[in-house]
Amino acid sequence: MIDDLPCLMYLLAYDDAAEGPYDRPRTQLLLRAAALVDLALRGRLREDDGTVTVFGTRPTGAPALDGVLHDAAGGHGWKHLTRTHRKRTLTEVEDHLTAAGVLTVKEPRTPFGTRRLTLTDRAVPAALHARMSVALRGDEPVQSLPAADTALLALAAAAGVHSVVSRQDRKTYRARIDACTTALAALAPGLEKAVRDLPTTMIAAQGGMGGS
């Protein structure tokens, strides 16, 4: 069963026309942020005076999460961990989804080509999009929603995944989206800030800054 936030976020960001995520460079950062939120929800990452601290040594079983846990052992901040090794994390997520039978992958023919990916089970992303629609447009208070759903909604809004949160949605449901993002502060204040700063981080990364 696929239930880790990086994989779920990837499925929400998948675009048929692109044969992959809606924007690969932006999705790399998005998945790193999703992994950090997931690990914080599991109690495996905490914040100590702005520095991320790892708790426990047991593997999670999700390659992307275990990779981020390894990266976090060096004692860094949330933003650094969002930016570093992001290409590797995207590949780990795609390989995990492929092994689970959710995706099929066609590797590029040249070193500079792009992977082409096809969904083999559309029921999973369809159910995810339905969950996000309820979280965004429903009447249930944000604090009563599953933590994973509020986190995914906050991430999708910050990263501009318009299939989940359209530009009009951002205006109409601004307060609800803000509440979802604010909820991350209960995990770690720096994590909430890192998610709010995702748009700026993505622009900086496209300009050649940050890790790979």
Protein backbone atom coordinates (compact mmCIF):
# COMPACT_ATOMS: atom_id res chain seq x y z
CA MET A 1 0.00 0.00 0.00
CA ILE A 2 1.35 3.42 -0.98
CA ASP A 3 0.71 5.86 1.85
CA ASP A 4 3.86 7.95 2.28
CA LEU A 5 3.38 11.63 1.48
CA PRO A 6 6.05 11.91 -1.25
CA CYS A 7 4.38 9.17 -3.30
CA LEU A 8 0.90 10.57 -2.71
CA MET A 9 2.10 14.06 -3.63
CA TYR A 10 3.66 12.72 -6.83
CA LEU A 11 0.37 11.15 -7.87
CA LEU A 12 -1.42 14.44 -7.24
CA ALA A 13 1.21 16.25 -9.33
CA TYR A 14 1.10 13.74 -12.21
CA ASP A 15 0.06 15.19 -15.56
CA ASP A 16 -0.98 13.00 -18.49
CA ALA A 17 0.20 15.48 -21.12
CA ALA A 18 3.64 15.73 -19.52
CA GLU A 19 3.91 11.94 -19.09
CA GLY A 20 5.10 12.64 -15.58
CA PRO A 21 4.78 15.37 -12.97
CA TYR A 22 3.41 18.76 -14.01
CA ASP A 23 6.91 20.26 -13.70
CA ARG A 24 9.88 18.04 -12.87
CA PRO A 25 12.18 20.65 -11.25
CA ARG A 26 9.36 22.01 -9.08
CA THR A 27 8.20 18.50 -8.19
CA GLN A 28 11.70 17.58 -7.00
CA LEU A 29 11.46 20.27 -4.32
CA LEU A 30 7.83 19.47 -3.61
CA LEU A 31 8.62 15.83 -2.88
CA ARG A 32 11.50 16.76 -0.60
CA ALA A 33 9.16 19.01 1.37
CA ALA A 34 6.53 16.25 1.46
CA ALA A 35 9.10 13.81 2.84
CA LEU A 36 10.08 16.24 5.59
CA VAL A 37 6.44 16.74 6.58
CA ASP A 38 5.81 12.99 6.53
CA LEU A 39 8.80 12.27 8.76
CA ALA A 40 7.78 15.05 11.16
CA LEU A 41 4.27 13.56 11.36
CA ARG A 42 5.83 10.18 12.19
CA GLY A 43 7.92 11.77 14.95
CA ARG A 44 11.15 10.91 13.16
CA LEU A 45 12.19 14.53 12.61
CA ARG A 46 12.00 17.34 15.13
CA GLU A 47 13.32 20.86 15.38
CA ASP A 48 15.91 21.94 17.93
CA ASP A 49 16.66 25.67 17.80
CA GLY A 50 16.17 25.71 14.03
CA THR A 51 18.15 22.54 13.38
CA VAL A 52 16.47 19.33 12.27
CA THR A 53 17.10 16.36 14.56
CA VAL A 54 16.53 12.70 13.69
CA PHE A 55 14.82 10.37 16.16
CA GLY A 56 15.16 6.60 15.83
CA THR A 57 17.17 4.43 13.46
CA ARG A 58 14.55 2.00 12.16
CA PRO A 59 13.96 2.28 8.36
CA THR A 60 10.52 3.46 7.28
CA GLY A 61 10.38 1.11 4.29
CA ALA A 62 9.86 4.03 1.88
CA PRO A 63 13.09 4.74 -0.05
CA ALA A 64 12.49 8.49 -0.35
CA LEU A 65 11.81 8.84 3.38
CA ASP A 66 14.82 6.77 4.36
CA GLY A 67 17.00 8.86 2.04
CA VAL A 68 15.83 12.09 3.67
CA LEU A 69 16.42 10.61 7.13
CA HIS A 70 20.00 9.89 6.12
CA ASP A 71 20.40 13.43 4.80
CA ALA A 72 18.96 14.94 7.99
CA ALA A 73 21.49 13.19 10.21
CA GLY A 74 24.02 15.90 9.34
CA GLY A 75 22.20 18.52 11.38
CA HIS A 76 20.73 20.95 8.85
CA GLY A 77 17.79 23.32 8.60
CA TRP A 78 14.48 22.56 6.89
CA LYS A 79 15.16 24.72 3.84
CA HIS A 80 18.55 23.11 3.22
CA LEU A 81 16.96 19.67 3.41
CA THR A 82 14.25 20.74 0.98
CA ARG A 83 16.83 21.74 -1.61
CA THR A 84 19.48 19.04 -1.33
CA HIS A 85 19.42 15.70 -3.23
CA ARG A 86 16.05 16.58 -4.73
CA LYS A 87 16.67 14.80 -8.07
CA ARG A 88 17.50 11.60 -6.21
CA THR A 89 14.28 11.83 -4.20
CA LEU A 90 12.16 12.22 -7.33
CA THR A 91 13.77 9.13 -8.86
CA GLU A 92 13.25 7.15 -5.63
CA VAL A 93 9.56 8.04 -5.61
CA GLU A 94 9.09 7.10 -9.27
CA ASP A 95 10.92 3.82 -8.77
CA HIS A 96 8.82 3.03 -5.69
CA LEU A 97 5.57 3.69 -7.56
CA THR A 98 6.82 1.59 -10.46
CA ALA A 99 7.67 -1.31 -8.15
CA ALA A 100 4.18 -1.01 -6.65
CA GLY A 101 2.64 -1.29 -10.13
CA VAL A 102 1.18 2.21 -10.14
CA LEU A 103 3.50 3.54 -12.86
CA THR A 104 5.36 2.22 -15.85
CA VAL A 105 8.59 3.97 -16.80
CA LYS A 106 10.25 4.45 -20.17
CA GLU A 107 13.81 5.62 -19.66
CA PRO A 108 15.22 8.35 -21.96
CA ARG A 109 17.25 7.29 -24.97
CA THR A 110 19.87 9.99 -24.41
CA PRO A 111 21.64 11.25 -21.27
CA PHE A 112 19.77 14.53 -21.53
CA GLY A 113 16.33 13.04 -22.13
CA THR A 114 13.46 12.86 -19.67
CA ARG A 115 11.78 9.81 -18.24
CA ARG A 116 8.29 9.17 -19.59
CA LEU A 117 5.85 7.69 -17.13
CA THR A 118 2.37 6.24 -17.51
CA LEU A 119 -0.20 5.62 -14.80
CA THR A 120 -1.31 2.00 -14.74
CA ASP A 121 -3.88 2.42 -11.97
CA ARG A 122 -5.90 5.62 -12.24
CA ALA A 123 -8.12 4.72 -9.31
CA VAL A 124 -5.43 5.70 -6.81
CA PRO A 125 -4.87 9.29 -8.02
CA ALA A 126 -8.60 9.72 -8.65
CA ALA A 127 -9.33 8.83 -5.02
CA LEU A 128 -6.57 11.21 -3.88
CA HIS A 129 -7.98 14.10 -5.88
CA ALA A 130 -11.41 13.39 -4.38
CA ARG A 131 -9.89 13.52 -0.89
CA MET A 132 -8.23 16.84 -1.66
CA SER A 133 -11.48 18.27 -2.99
CA VAL A 134 -13.24 17.39 0.26
CA ALA A 135 -10.39 18.84 2.31
CA LEU A 136 -10.44 22.07 0.32
CA ARG A 137 -14.16 22.57 -0.25
CA GLY A 138 -15.79 20.61 2.57
CA ASP A 139 -17.43 21.97 5.69
CA GLU A 140 -15.40 19.96 8.21
CA PRO A 141 -13.05 22.13 10.28
CA VAL A 142 -9.42 21.90 9.21
CA GLN A 143 -8.39 20.68 12.66
CA SER A 144 -10.72 17.68 12.24
CA LEU A 145 -9.25 16.59 8.90
CA PRO A 146 -6.59 13.86 8.68
CA ALA A 147 -3.14 15.43 9.15
CA ALA A 148 -1.95 13.87 5.90
CA ASP A 149 -4.74 15.55 3.93
CA THR A 150 -4.11 19.01 5.38
CA ALA A 151 -0.39 18.60 4.71
CA LEU A 152 -0.93 17.51 1.10
CA LEU A 153 -3.28 20.42 0.53
CA ALA A 154 -0.81 22.93 1.98
CA LEU A 155 2.01 21.50 -0.14
CA ALA A 156 -0.03 21.46 -3.35
CA ALA A 157 -1.10 25.06 -2.85
CA ALA A 158 2.45 26.23 -2.10
CA ALA A 159 3.88 24.44 -5.12
CA GLY A 160 1.22 25.60 -7.56
CA VAL A 161 -0.24 22.19 -8.41
CA HIS A 162 -3.25 23.62 -10.19
CA SER A 163 -4.95 20.26 -10.68
CA VAL A 164 -5.38 20.23 -6.90
CA VAL A 165 -5.64 23.94 -6.04
CA SER A 166 -6.49 26.21 -8.98
CA ARG A 167 -5.70 29.92 -9.03
CA GLN A 168 -9.36 30.61 -8.30
CA ASP A 169 -9.30 28.10 -5.43
CA ARG A 170 -6.39 30.00 -3.89
CA LYS A 171 -8.56 33.11 -3.75
CA THR A 172 -11.80 31.43 -2.73
CA TYR A 173 -10.34 29.18 -0.06
CA ARG A 174 -7.40 31.34 1.03
CA ALA A 175 -8.27 31.11 4.74
CA ARG A 176 -8.68 27.32 4.62
CA ILE A 177 -5.37 26.83 2.80
CA ASP A 178 -3.66 29.13 5.29
CA ALA A 179 -5.09 27.09 8.17
CA CYS A 180 -3.72 23.90 6.64
CA THR A 181 -0.28 25.47 6.32
CA THR A 182 -0.38 26.94 9.82
CA ALA A 183 -1.09 23.46 11.19
CA LEU A 184 2.47 22.48 10.20
CA ALA A 185 3.82 24.80 12.88
CA ALA A 186 2.63 22.30 15.50
CA LEU A 187 5.21 19.91 14.07
CA ALA A 188 7.98 22.50 13.74
CA PRO A 189 7.87 26.26 13.17
CA GLY A 190 10.70 26.06 10.66
CA LEU A 191 8.86 23.40 8.68
CA GLU A 192 5.83 25.65 8.26
CA LYS A 193 8.12 28.44 7.06
CA ALA A 194 9.88 26.11 4.61
CA VAL A 195 6.52 25.17 3.06
CA ARG A 196 5.39 28.81 2.88
CA ASP A 197 8.72 29.65 1.23
CA LEU A 198 8.39 26.90 -1.40
CA PRO A 199 7.44 29.33 -4.21
CA THR A 200 10.59 31.39 -3.58
CA THR A 201 12.72 28.26 -3.20
CA MET A 202 11.46 26.97 -6.53
CA ILE A 203 12.29 30.24 -8.28
CA ALA A 204 15.79 30.24 -6.75
CA ALA A 205 16.36 26.62 -7.80
CA GLN A 206 15.35 27.37 -11.39
CA GLY A 207 18.02 30.07 -11.37
CA GLY A 208 20.67 27.48 -10.65
CA MET A 209 20.87 27.85 -6.89
CA GLY A 210 20.68 25.06 -4.35
CA GLY A 211 21.57 21.37 -4.30
CA SER A 212 20.92 18.68 -6.87
